[in-house]
Amino acid sequence: MPPPAPAPHSQAELAQRAARASVYSALAQTRPPTIGYALTDSPAALPAWIGEKLLTWTDGEILTRRQIFDNLSLYWFTRSASSARLYAESIAEVGAWFIDPRNDVPTAATVFPREVPRPSRRWAGRTSAQIVHWGEPARGGHFGAWEQPDVFVQEVCKSLQSMKKARGRVVSRSPGRY
């Protein structure tokens, strides 16, 4: 396996990475049965699809072969490999969450460096008025909990602690929105 490219830092690198790595979403939205049947019925398509995601969306060779084969087996033997229908049916709604007016709900987030898309705190602040925790670990990607389980648990604990502290100082500018 070739080593992954370093985590992108410039706006151009982030835009290029998002454009290349988000094509799967367009396929899932427009042709969910095609990819769904391929992943469920083809013992070659499933590892190729997941392998490409691991190469593109992770922070390198930190997962063992055993971990990867366990993951593939879980999908293959349960015939649950495709989330294409979920994307096709919900992507517009989920996308709206990111452009709706600001909310006052206390928010905690962890953004791993190889995540796609990789939002900035400034961008998140446009819709979240109360960011109580913002974590940016040094390693990890889209599968952060799998790649960096100890870091993930630390981030969850920090998020919960921040939420607990914020609970007493929640200021709602729009009553009844919760």
N, C-alpha and C. Protein backbone atom coordinates (compact mmCIF):
# COMPACT_ATOMS: atom_id res chain seq x y z
N MET A 1 0.84 -1.17 0.00
CA MET A 1 0.00 0.00 0.00
C MET A 1 0.89 1.25 0.00
N PRO A 2 0.66 2.20 -0.89
CA PRO A 2 1.49 3.40 -0.89
C PRO A 2 1.14 4.27 0.32
N PRO A 3 2.11 5.04 0.81
CA PRO A 3 1.81 5.91 1.95
C PRO A 3 0.81 6.98 1.54
N PRO A 4 -0.04 7.41 2.47
CA PRO A 4 -1.02 8.43 2.13
C PRO A 4 -0.36 9.78 1.95
N ALA A 5 -1.04 10.64 1.21
CA ALA A 5 -0.56 12.02 1.06
C ALA A 5 -0.69 12.70 2.41
N PRO A 6 0.15 13.68 2.70
CA PRO A 6 0.03 14.37 3.97
C PRO A 6 -1.33 15.06 4.06
N ALA A 7 -1.78 15.28 5.29
CA ALA A 7 -3.06 15.94 5.49
C ALA A 7 -3.05 17.30 4.79
N PRO A 8 -4.13 17.61 4.05
CA PRO A 8 -4.16 18.87 3.32
C PRO A 8 -4.30 20.05 4.26
N HIS A 9 -3.69 21.16 3.90
CA HIS A 9 -3.76 22.34 4.76
C HIS A 9 -4.27 23.57 4.02
N SER A 10 -3.93 23.71 2.76
CA SER A 10 -4.36 24.90 2.04
C SER A 10 -5.79 24.74 1.55
N GLN A 11 -6.43 25.87 1.26
CA GLN A 11 -7.80 25.85 0.74
C GLN A 11 -7.86 25.05 -0.55
N ALA A 12 -6.87 25.23 -1.42
CA ALA A 12 -6.86 24.51 -2.70
C ALA A 12 -6.76 23.01 -2.48
N GLU A 13 -5.88 22.58 -1.56
CA GLU A 13 -5.74 21.16 -1.27
C GLU A 13 -7.04 20.59 -0.71
N LEU A 14 -7.68 21.33 0.20
CA LEU A 14 -8.94 20.87 0.79
C LEU A 14 -10.03 20.76 -0.28
N ALA A 15 -10.11 21.75 -1.17
CA ALA A 15 -11.12 21.73 -2.22
C ALA A 15 -10.89 20.55 -3.17
N GLN A 16 -9.64 20.33 -3.55
CA GLN A 16 -9.32 19.23 -4.46
C GLN A 16 -9.63 17.89 -3.79
N ARG A 17 -9.27 17.74 -2.54
CA ARG A 17 -9.54 16.50 -1.81
C ARG A 17 -11.03 16.26 -1.67
N ALA A 18 -11.80 17.30 -1.35
CA ALA A 18 -13.25 17.16 -1.21
C ALA A 18 -13.89 16.78 -2.54
N ALA A 19 -13.42 17.37 -3.62
CA ALA A 19 -13.99 17.06 -4.94
C ALA A 19 -13.71 15.62 -5.34
N ARG A 20 -12.48 15.17 -5.13
CA ARG A 20 -12.13 13.79 -5.50
C ARG A 20 -12.78 12.76 -4.59
N ALA A 21 -12.80 13.04 -3.30
CA ALA A 21 -13.27 12.04 -2.34
C ALA A 21 -14.77 12.04 -2.14
N SER A 22 -15.48 12.99 -2.71
CA SER A 22 -16.93 13.04 -2.53
C SER A 22 -17.71 12.48 -3.72
N VAL A 23 -17.02 11.97 -4.70
CA VAL A 23 -17.69 11.42 -5.88
C VAL A 23 -18.56 10.23 -5.48
N TYR A 24 -18.13 9.46 -4.50
CA TYR A 24 -18.92 8.31 -4.07
C TYR A 24 -20.32 8.75 -3.65
N SER A 25 -20.42 9.92 -3.03
CA SER A 25 -21.71 10.43 -2.59
C SER A 25 -22.63 10.70 -3.77
N ALA A 26 -22.08 11.28 -4.83
CA ALA A 26 -22.89 11.54 -6.03
C ALA A 26 -23.37 10.24 -6.66
N LEU A 27 -22.52 9.23 -6.69
CA LEU A 27 -22.92 7.93 -7.22
C LEU A 27 -24.03 7.33 -6.36
N ALA A 28 -23.88 7.38 -5.05
CA ALA A 28 -24.88 6.83 -4.15
C ALA A 28 -26.21 7.57 -4.27
N GLN A 29 -26.15 8.88 -4.49
CA GLN A 29 -27.38 9.66 -4.60
C GLN A 29 -28.11 9.41 -5.91
N THR A 30 -27.37 9.25 -6.98
CA THR A 30 -28.00 9.17 -8.30
C THR A 30 -28.25 7.75 -8.79
N ARG A 31 -27.45 6.79 -8.34
CA ARG A 31 -27.58 5.40 -8.79
C ARG A 31 -27.44 4.43 -7.61
N PRO A 32 -28.25 4.57 -6.58
CA PRO A 32 -28.07 3.71 -5.41
C PRO A 32 -28.18 2.21 -5.69
N PRO A 33 -29.10 1.76 -6.56
CA PRO A 33 -29.15 0.31 -6.79
C PRO A 33 -27.87 -0.23 -7.42
N THR A 34 -27.24 0.55 -8.31
CA THR A 34 -26.04 0.08 -8.99
C THR A 34 -24.94 -0.25 -7.99
N ILE A 35 -24.60 0.71 -7.16
CA ILE A 35 -23.52 0.46 -6.20
C ILE A 35 -23.98 -0.51 -5.11
N GLY A 36 -25.24 -0.44 -4.73
CA GLY A 36 -25.77 -1.34 -3.71
C GLY A 36 -25.66 -2.80 -4.11
N TYR A 37 -26.11 -3.12 -5.32
CA TYR A 37 -26.02 -4.50 -5.79
C TYR A 37 -24.56 -4.94 -5.95
N ALA A 38 -23.74 -4.06 -6.45
CA ALA A 38 -22.32 -4.41 -6.64
C ALA A 38 -21.67 -4.76 -5.30
N LEU A 39 -21.90 -3.95 -4.29
CA LEU A 39 -21.26 -4.18 -2.99
C LEU A 39 -21.82 -5.41 -2.29
N THR A 40 -23.08 -5.70 -2.52
CA THR A 40 -23.71 -6.83 -1.86
C THR A 40 -23.45 -8.15 -2.58
N ASP A 41 -23.32 -8.10 -3.91
CA ASP A 41 -23.21 -9.33 -4.70
C ASP A 41 -21.81 -9.68 -5.20
N SER A 42 -20.89 -8.74 -5.15
CA SER A 42 -19.58 -9.01 -5.74
C SER A 42 -18.48 -9.10 -4.68
N PRO A 43 -17.85 -10.26 -4.56
CA PRO A 43 -16.75 -10.38 -3.60
C PRO A 43 -15.51 -9.60 -4.02
N ALA A 44 -15.50 -9.06 -5.22
CA ALA A 44 -14.39 -8.20 -5.66
C ALA A 44 -14.74 -6.73 -5.43
N ALA A 45 -16.00 -6.36 -5.67
CA ALA A 45 -16.40 -4.96 -5.54
C ALA A 45 -16.32 -4.47 -4.10
N LEU A 46 -16.77 -5.29 -3.15
CA LEU A 46 -16.78 -4.85 -1.75
C LEU A 46 -15.38 -4.51 -1.23
N PRO A 47 -14.38 -5.40 -1.33
CA PRO A 47 -13.06 -5.01 -0.82
C PRO A 47 -12.42 -3.89 -1.63
N ALA A 48 -12.73 -3.80 -2.93
CA ALA A 48 -12.19 -2.70 -3.73
C ALA A 48 -12.77 -1.37 -3.25
N TRP A 49 -14.07 -1.33 -3.02
CA TRP A 49 -14.75 -0.11 -2.57
C TRP A 49 -14.24 0.32 -1.19
N ILE A 50 -14.25 -0.62 -0.25
CA ILE A 50 -13.82 -0.29 1.11
C ILE A 50 -12.32 0.00 1.14
N GLY A 51 -11.55 -0.76 0.38
CA GLY A 51 -10.10 -0.52 0.33
C GLY A 51 -9.77 0.87 -0.18
N GLU A 52 -10.49 1.30 -1.20
CA GLU A 52 -10.26 2.66 -1.73
C GLU A 52 -10.60 3.71 -0.68
N LYS A 53 -11.68 3.50 0.06
CA LYS A 53 -12.06 4.46 1.12
C LYS A 53 -10.99 4.48 2.22
N LEU A 54 -10.46 3.32 2.55
CA LEU A 54 -9.42 3.28 3.58
C LEU A 54 -8.15 3.99 3.11
N LEU A 55 -7.81 3.83 1.84
CA LEU A 55 -6.63 4.52 1.31
C LEU A 55 -6.84 6.03 1.27
N THR A 56 -8.03 6.45 0.91
CA THR A 56 -8.32 7.87 0.71
C THR A 56 -8.66 8.60 1.99
N TRP A 57 -9.38 7.95 2.89
CA TRP A 57 -9.96 8.65 4.04
C TRP A 57 -9.29 8.34 5.37
N THR A 58 -8.22 7.55 5.39
CA THR A 58 -7.56 7.26 6.66
C THR A 58 -6.20 7.93 6.71
N ASP A 59 -5.60 7.78 7.85
CA ASP A 59 -4.31 8.42 8.11
C ASP A 59 -3.15 7.46 7.89
N GLY A 60 -3.30 6.54 6.96
CA GLY A 60 -2.19 5.64 6.65
C GLY A 60 -2.44 4.22 7.10
N GLU A 61 -1.38 3.47 7.16
CA GLU A 61 -1.45 2.05 7.47
C GLU A 61 -1.47 1.79 8.96
N ILE A 62 -2.51 2.23 9.64
CA ILE A 62 -2.60 2.00 11.07
C ILE A 62 -3.58 0.89 11.43
N LEU A 63 -4.38 0.46 10.46
CA LEU A 63 -5.29 -0.65 10.69
C LEU A 63 -4.59 -1.93 10.27
N THR A 64 -4.78 -2.97 11.05
CA THR A 64 -4.16 -4.26 10.70
C THR A 64 -4.99 -4.96 9.63
N ARG A 65 -4.37 -5.92 8.98
CA ARG A 65 -5.11 -6.73 7.99
C ARG A 65 -6.29 -7.40 8.67
N ARG A 66 -6.09 -7.87 9.88
CA ARG A 66 -7.16 -8.55 10.62
C ARG A 66 -8.34 -7.60 10.82
N GLN A 67 -8.06 -6.37 11.21
CA GLN A 67 -9.14 -5.39 11.41
C GLN A 67 -9.90 -5.15 10.11
N ILE A 68 -9.17 -5.03 9.03
CA ILE A 68 -9.80 -4.77 7.73
C ILE A 68 -10.63 -5.99 7.29
N PHE A 69 -10.08 -7.19 7.44
CA PHE A 69 -10.82 -8.39 7.06
C PHE A 69 -12.05 -8.60 7.95
N ASP A 70 -11.93 -8.28 9.24
CA ASP A 70 -13.09 -8.36 10.13
C ASP A 70 -14.19 -7.42 9.66
N ASN A 71 -13.80 -6.22 9.27
CA ASN A 71 -14.76 -5.24 8.78
C ASN A 71 -15.43 -5.72 7.50
N LEU A 72 -14.62 -6.18 6.56
CA LEU A 72 -15.17 -6.71 5.30
C LEU A 72 -16.11 -7.88 5.56
N SER A 73 -15.73 -8.76 6.47
CA SER A 73 -16.56 -9.93 6.79
C SER A 73 -17.90 -9.51 7.38
N LEU A 74 -17.88 -8.53 8.24
CA LEU A 74 -19.12 -8.05 8.84
C LEU A 74 -20.07 -7.57 7.75
N TYR A 75 -19.57 -6.78 6.82
CA TYR A 75 -20.41 -6.30 5.72
C TYR A 75 -20.86 -7.46 4.82
N TRP A 76 -19.92 -8.34 4.46
CA TRP A 76 -20.22 -9.38 3.48
C TRP A 76 -21.22 -10.39 4.03
N PHE A 77 -20.98 -10.90 5.22
CA PHE A 77 -21.84 -11.97 5.74
C PHE A 77 -23.21 -11.47 6.20
N THR A 78 -23.33 -10.19 6.48
CA THR A 78 -24.64 -9.64 6.85
C THR A 78 -25.33 -9.00 5.66
N ARG A 79 -24.63 -8.93 4.52
CA ARG A 79 -25.17 -8.33 3.30
C ARG A 79 -25.64 -6.90 3.57
N SER A 80 -24.83 -6.17 4.30
CA SER A 80 -25.21 -4.80 4.70
C SER A 80 -24.19 -3.77 4.24
N ALA A 81 -23.58 -4.00 3.11
CA ALA A 81 -22.46 -3.17 2.67
C ALA A 81 -22.85 -1.80 2.14
N SER A 82 -24.06 -1.64 1.68
CA SER A 82 -24.36 -0.39 0.98
C SER A 82 -25.19 0.57 1.81
N SER A 83 -24.70 1.79 1.91
CA SER A 83 -25.47 2.87 2.51
C SER A 83 -26.00 3.79 1.41
N ALA A 84 -25.95 3.32 0.17
CA ALA A 84 -26.34 4.16 -0.97
C ALA A 84 -27.78 4.65 -0.86
N ARG A 85 -28.67 3.79 -0.45
CA ARG A 85 -30.08 4.21 -0.35
C ARG A 85 -30.22 5.31 0.71
N LEU A 86 -29.51 5.18 1.82
CA LEU A 86 -29.53 6.21 2.85
C LEU A 86 -29.08 7.55 2.28
N TYR A 87 -28.00 7.54 1.51
CA TYR A 87 -27.53 8.78 0.88
C TYR A 87 -28.57 9.33 -0.08
N ALA A 88 -29.13 8.47 -0.89
CA ALA A 88 -30.10 8.93 -1.88
C ALA A 88 -31.32 9.56 -1.22
N GLU A 89 -31.75 9.00 -0.10
CA GLU A 89 -32.97 9.48 0.55
C GLU A 89 -32.75 10.63 1.52
N SER A 90 -31.53 10.81 2.02
CA SER A 90 -31.36 11.80 3.10
C SER A 90 -30.35 12.90 2.84
N ILE A 91 -29.60 12.85 1.76
CA ILE A 91 -28.50 13.80 1.59
C ILE A 91 -28.97 15.25 1.53
N ALA A 92 -30.12 15.51 0.93
CA ALA A 92 -30.62 16.89 0.87
C ALA A 92 -30.95 17.41 2.26
N GLU A 93 -31.58 16.55 3.08
CA GLU A 93 -31.92 16.96 4.44
C GLU A 93 -30.66 17.20 5.27
N VAL A 94 -29.72 16.29 5.18
CA VAL A 94 -28.47 16.43 5.94
C VAL A 94 -27.71 17.68 5.48
N GLY A 95 -27.68 17.91 4.17
CA GLY A 95 -27.00 19.11 3.65
C GLY A 95 -27.61 20.39 4.18
N ALA A 96 -28.93 20.39 4.36
CA ALA A 96 -29.60 21.59 4.87
C ALA A 96 -29.18 21.90 6.30
N TRP A 97 -28.79 20.88 7.06
CA TRP A 97 -28.35 21.13 8.44
C TRP A 97 -27.17 22.08 8.48
N PHE A 98 -26.36 22.06 7.43
CA PHE A 98 -25.15 22.85 7.42
C PHE A 98 -25.35 24.27 6.90
N ILE A 99 -26.52 24.56 6.38
CA ILE A 99 -26.76 25.91 5.86
C ILE A 99 -27.93 26.60 6.55
N ASP A 100 -28.63 25.89 7.45
CA ASP A 100 -29.73 26.51 8.18
C ASP A 100 -29.21 27.63 9.07
N PRO A 101 -30.12 28.50 9.50
CA PRO A 101 -29.70 29.59 10.39
C PRO A 101 -29.04 29.03 11.65
N ARG A 102 -28.29 29.89 12.30
CA ARG A 102 -27.56 29.49 13.50
C ARG A 102 -28.47 28.88 14.55
N ASN A 103 -27.95 27.90 15.24
CA ASN A 103 -28.69 27.30 16.34
C ASN A 103 -27.97 27.60 17.64
N ASP A 104 -28.70 27.47 18.72
CA ASP A 104 -28.16 27.78 20.05
C ASP A 104 -27.84 26.52 20.85
N VAL A 105 -27.91 25.38 20.25
CA VAL A 105 -27.67 24.13 20.95
C VAL A 105 -26.17 23.98 21.21
N PRO A 106 -25.78 23.72 22.46
CA PRO A 106 -24.35 23.49 22.71
C PRO A 106 -23.83 22.37 21.81
N THR A 107 -22.70 22.63 21.18
CA THR A 107 -22.16 21.72 20.16
C THR A 107 -20.72 21.36 20.50
N ALA A 108 -20.41 20.08 20.37
CA ALA A 108 -19.04 19.60 20.52
C ALA A 108 -18.66 18.90 19.23
N ALA A 109 -17.44 19.10 18.78
CA ALA A 109 -17.01 18.47 17.53
C ALA A 109 -15.55 18.08 17.61
N THR A 110 -15.24 17.01 16.92
CA THR A 110 -13.85 16.59 16.74
C THR A 110 -13.64 16.39 15.25
N VAL A 111 -12.64 17.03 14.71
CA VAL A 111 -12.36 16.94 13.29
C VAL A 111 -10.97 16.31 13.12
N PHE A 112 -10.97 15.07 12.64
CA PHE A 112 -9.70 14.39 12.39
C PHE A 112 -9.09 14.94 11.10
N PRO A 113 -7.75 15.00 11.01
CA PRO A 113 -7.10 15.70 9.89
C PRO A 113 -7.37 15.10 8.51
N ARG A 114 -7.68 13.82 8.41
CA ARG A 114 -7.92 13.22 7.09
C ARG A 114 -9.42 13.04 6.81
N GLU A 115 -10.26 13.73 7.54
CA GLU A 115 -11.71 13.68 7.33
C GLU A 115 -12.09 14.39 6.04
N VAL A 116 -13.15 13.90 5.40
CA VAL A 116 -13.69 14.54 4.20
C VAL A 116 -15.18 14.66 4.40
N PRO A 117 -15.76 15.83 4.34
CA PRO A 117 -15.08 17.13 4.29
C PRO A 117 -14.50 17.47 5.65
N ARG A 118 -13.61 18.40 5.65
CA ARG A 118 -12.92 18.78 6.88
C ARG A 118 -13.26 20.22 7.22
N PRO A 119 -14.31 20.43 8.01
CA PRO A 119 -14.74 21.80 8.31
C PRO A 119 -13.78 22.52 9.26
N SER A 120 -13.76 23.81 9.16
CA SER A 120 -12.97 24.62 10.10
C SER A 120 -13.89 25.08 11.22
N ARG A 121 -13.31 25.48 12.32
CA ARG A 121 -14.11 25.98 13.43
C ARG A 121 -14.85 27.25 13.00
N ARG A 122 -14.21 28.07 12.22
CA ARG A 122 -14.85 29.30 11.74
C ARG A 122 -16.10 28.96 10.94
N TRP A 123 -16.00 27.96 10.07
CA TRP A 123 -17.15 27.54 9.28
C TRP A 123 -18.24 26.99 10.19
N ALA A 124 -17.88 26.15 11.16
CA ALA A 124 -18.86 25.57 12.07
C ALA A 124 -19.54 26.66 12.90
N GLY A 125 -18.80 27.70 13.23
CA GLY A 125 -19.36 28.80 14.02
C GLY A 125 -20.45 29.58 13.29
N ARG A 126 -20.52 29.42 11.99
CA ARG A 126 -21.58 30.11 11.23
C ARG A 126 -22.96 29.54 11.55
N THR A 127 -23.02 28.26 11.89
CA THR A 127 -24.31 27.65 12.19
C THR A 127 -24.46 27.25 13.65
N SER A 128 -23.37 27.12 14.37
CA SER A 128 -23.43 26.73 15.78
C SER A 128 -22.96 27.88 16.65
N ALA A 129 -23.91 28.45 17.39
CA ALA A 129 -23.60 29.61 18.21
C ALA A 129 -22.81 29.24 19.47
N GLN A 130 -22.96 28.01 19.94
CA GLN A 130 -22.29 27.60 21.18
C GLN A 130 -21.41 26.38 20.96
N ILE A 131 -20.25 26.58 20.42
CA ILE A 131 -19.30 25.48 20.30
C ILE A 131 -18.58 25.38 21.63
N VAL A 132 -18.89 24.31 22.38
CA VAL A 132 -18.32 24.16 23.72
C VAL A 132 -17.05 23.31 23.72
N HIS A 133 -16.85 22.56 22.65
CA HIS A 133 -15.60 21.80 22.51
C HIS A 133 -15.30 21.65 21.03
N TRP A 134 -14.06 21.92 20.68
CA TRP A 134 -13.58 21.73 19.31
C TRP A 134 -12.25 21.02 19.39
N GLY A 135 -12.21 19.79 18.92
CA GLY A 135 -10.98 19.02 18.96
C GLY A 135 -10.42 18.78 17.57
N GLU A 136 -9.12 18.89 17.43
CA GLU A 136 -8.44 18.59 16.18
C GLU A 136 -7.23 17.70 16.49
N PRO A 137 -7.47 16.39 16.64
CA PRO A 137 -6.37 15.47 16.94
C PRO A 137 -5.31 15.49 15.85
N ALA A 138 -4.12 15.06 16.20
CA ALA A 138 -3.00 15.06 15.27
C ALA A 138 -3.12 13.98 14.20
N ARG A 139 -3.84 12.88 14.51
CA ARG A 139 -3.93 11.75 13.58
C ARG A 139 -5.37 11.29 13.46
N GLY A 140 -5.66 10.64 12.35
CA GLY A 140 -6.98 10.05 12.16
C GLY A 140 -7.66 10.58 10.92
N GLY A 141 -8.71 9.89 10.53
CA GLY A 141 -9.45 10.28 9.34
C GLY A 141 -10.93 10.05 9.53
N HIS A 142 -11.60 9.72 8.44
CA HIS A 142 -13.05 9.53 8.44
C HIS A 142 -13.47 8.44 9.43
N PHE A 143 -12.64 7.46 9.62
CA PHE A 143 -12.92 6.36 10.52
C PHE A 143 -12.16 6.55 11.84
N GLY A 144 -12.21 7.76 12.37
CA GLY A 144 -11.43 8.14 13.54
C GLY A 144 -11.59 7.20 14.73
N ALA A 145 -12.80 6.76 15.01
CA ALA A 145 -13.02 5.86 16.15
C ALA A 145 -12.33 4.52 15.94
N TRP A 146 -12.22 4.10 14.71
CA TRP A 146 -11.58 2.83 14.37
C TRP A 146 -10.06 3.00 14.29
N GLU A 147 -9.62 4.10 13.72
CA GLU A 147 -8.19 4.34 13.53
C GLU A 147 -7.48 4.74 14.82
N GLN A 148 -8.13 5.58 15.60
CA GLN A 148 -7.54 6.15 16.80
C GLN A 148 -8.51 5.99 17.98
N PRO A 149 -8.78 4.76 18.41
CA PRO A 149 -9.82 4.56 19.43
C PRO A 149 -9.54 5.28 20.75
N ASP A 150 -8.29 5.32 21.18
CA ASP A 150 -7.99 6.01 22.45
C ASP A 150 -8.23 7.51 22.33
N VAL A 151 -7.81 8.09 21.22
CA VAL A 151 -8.03 9.52 20.98
C VAL A 151 -9.53 9.80 20.88
N PHE A 152 -10.25 8.93 20.20
CA PHE A 152 -11.70 9.10 20.06
C PHE A 152 -12.38 9.10 21.44
N VAL A 153 -12.03 8.17 22.29
CA VAL A 153 -12.62 8.11 23.63
C VAL A 153 -12.28 9.37 24.42
N GLN A 154 -11.04 9.83 24.32
CA GLN A 154 -10.66 11.08 25.00
C GLN A 154 -11.49 12.25 24.50
N GLU A 155 -11.72 12.31 23.21
CA GLU A 155 -12.51 13.40 22.63
C GLU A 155 -13.97 13.32 23.08
N VAL A 156 -14.52 12.12 23.15
CA VAL A 156 -15.90 11.97 23.64
C VAL A 156 -15.98 12.44 25.09
N CYS A 157 -15.02 12.06 25.92
CA CYS A 157 -15.01 12.48 27.32
C CYS A 157 -14.89 14.00 27.44
N LYS A 158 -13.99 14.60 26.67
CA LYS A 158 -13.85 16.06 26.68
C LYS A 158 -15.15 16.73 26.23
N SER A 159 -15.78 16.17 25.22
CA SER A 159 -17.04 16.72 24.72
C SER A 159 -18.12 16.67 25.79
N LEU A 160 -18.24 15.53 26.45
CA LEU A 160 -19.26 15.40 27.50
C LEU A 160 -18.98 16.32 28.68
N GLN A 161 -17.71 16.45 29.06
CA GLN A 161 -17.36 17.38 30.14
C GLN A 161 -17.71 18.81 29.76
N SER A 162 -17.42 19.18 28.53
CA SER A 162 -17.73 20.53 28.06
C SER A 162 -19.24 20.76 28.00
N MET A 163 -19.98 19.76 27.60
CA MET A 163 -21.44 19.86 27.55
C MET A 163 -22.00 20.04 28.96
N LYS A 164 -21.45 19.28 29.89
CA LYS A 164 -21.92 19.37 31.28
C LYS A 164 -21.66 20.77 31.84
N LYS A 165 -20.49 21.32 31.58
CA LYS A 165 -20.17 22.68 32.04
C LYS A 165 -21.07 23.70 31.39
N ALA A 166 -21.36 23.50 30.11
CA ALA A 166 -22.18 24.46 29.36
C ALA A 166 -23.66 24.40 29.74
N ARG A 167 -24.08 23.29 30.29
CA ARG A 167 -25.50 23.11 30.60
C ARG A 167 -26.04 24.23 31.48
N GLY A 168 -25.25 24.71 32.40
CA GLY A 168 -25.70 25.77 33.29
C GLY A 168 -25.68 27.15 32.67
N ARG A 169 -25.05 27.30 31.52
CA ARG A 169 -24.95 28.63 30.92
C ARG A 169 -25.52 28.71 29.51
N VAL A 170 -26.47 27.84 29.19
CA VAL A 170 -27.10 27.86 27.88
C VAL A 170 -27.99 29.09 27.78
N VAL A 171 -27.77 29.88 26.77
CA VAL A 171 -28.57 31.08 26.53
C VAL A 171 -29.26 30.89 25.19
N SER A 172 -30.57 30.74 25.25
CA SER A 172 -31.33 30.54 24.02
C SER A 172 -31.83 31.87 23.50
N ARG A 173 -31.49 32.18 22.25
CA ARG A 173 -31.99 33.41 21.64
C ARG A 173 -33.33 33.17 20.97
N SER A 174 -33.74 31.92 20.89
CA SER A 174 -35.01 31.61 20.26
C SER A 174 -35.71 30.53 21.09
N PRO A 175 -36.51 30.95 22.07
CA PRO A 175 -37.17 29.99 22.97
C PRO A 175 -37.96 28.95 22.19
N GLY A 176 -37.95 27.73 22.72
CA GLY A 176 -38.73 26.66 22.12
C GLY A 176 -38.09 25.97 20.94
N ARG A 177 -36.86 26.33 20.58
CA ARG A 177 -36.22 25.71 19.42
C ARG A 177 -35.64 24.36 19.72
N TYR A 178 -35.51 24.01 20.96
CA TYR A 178 -34.92 22.72 21.29
C TYR A 178 -35.97 21.67 21.10
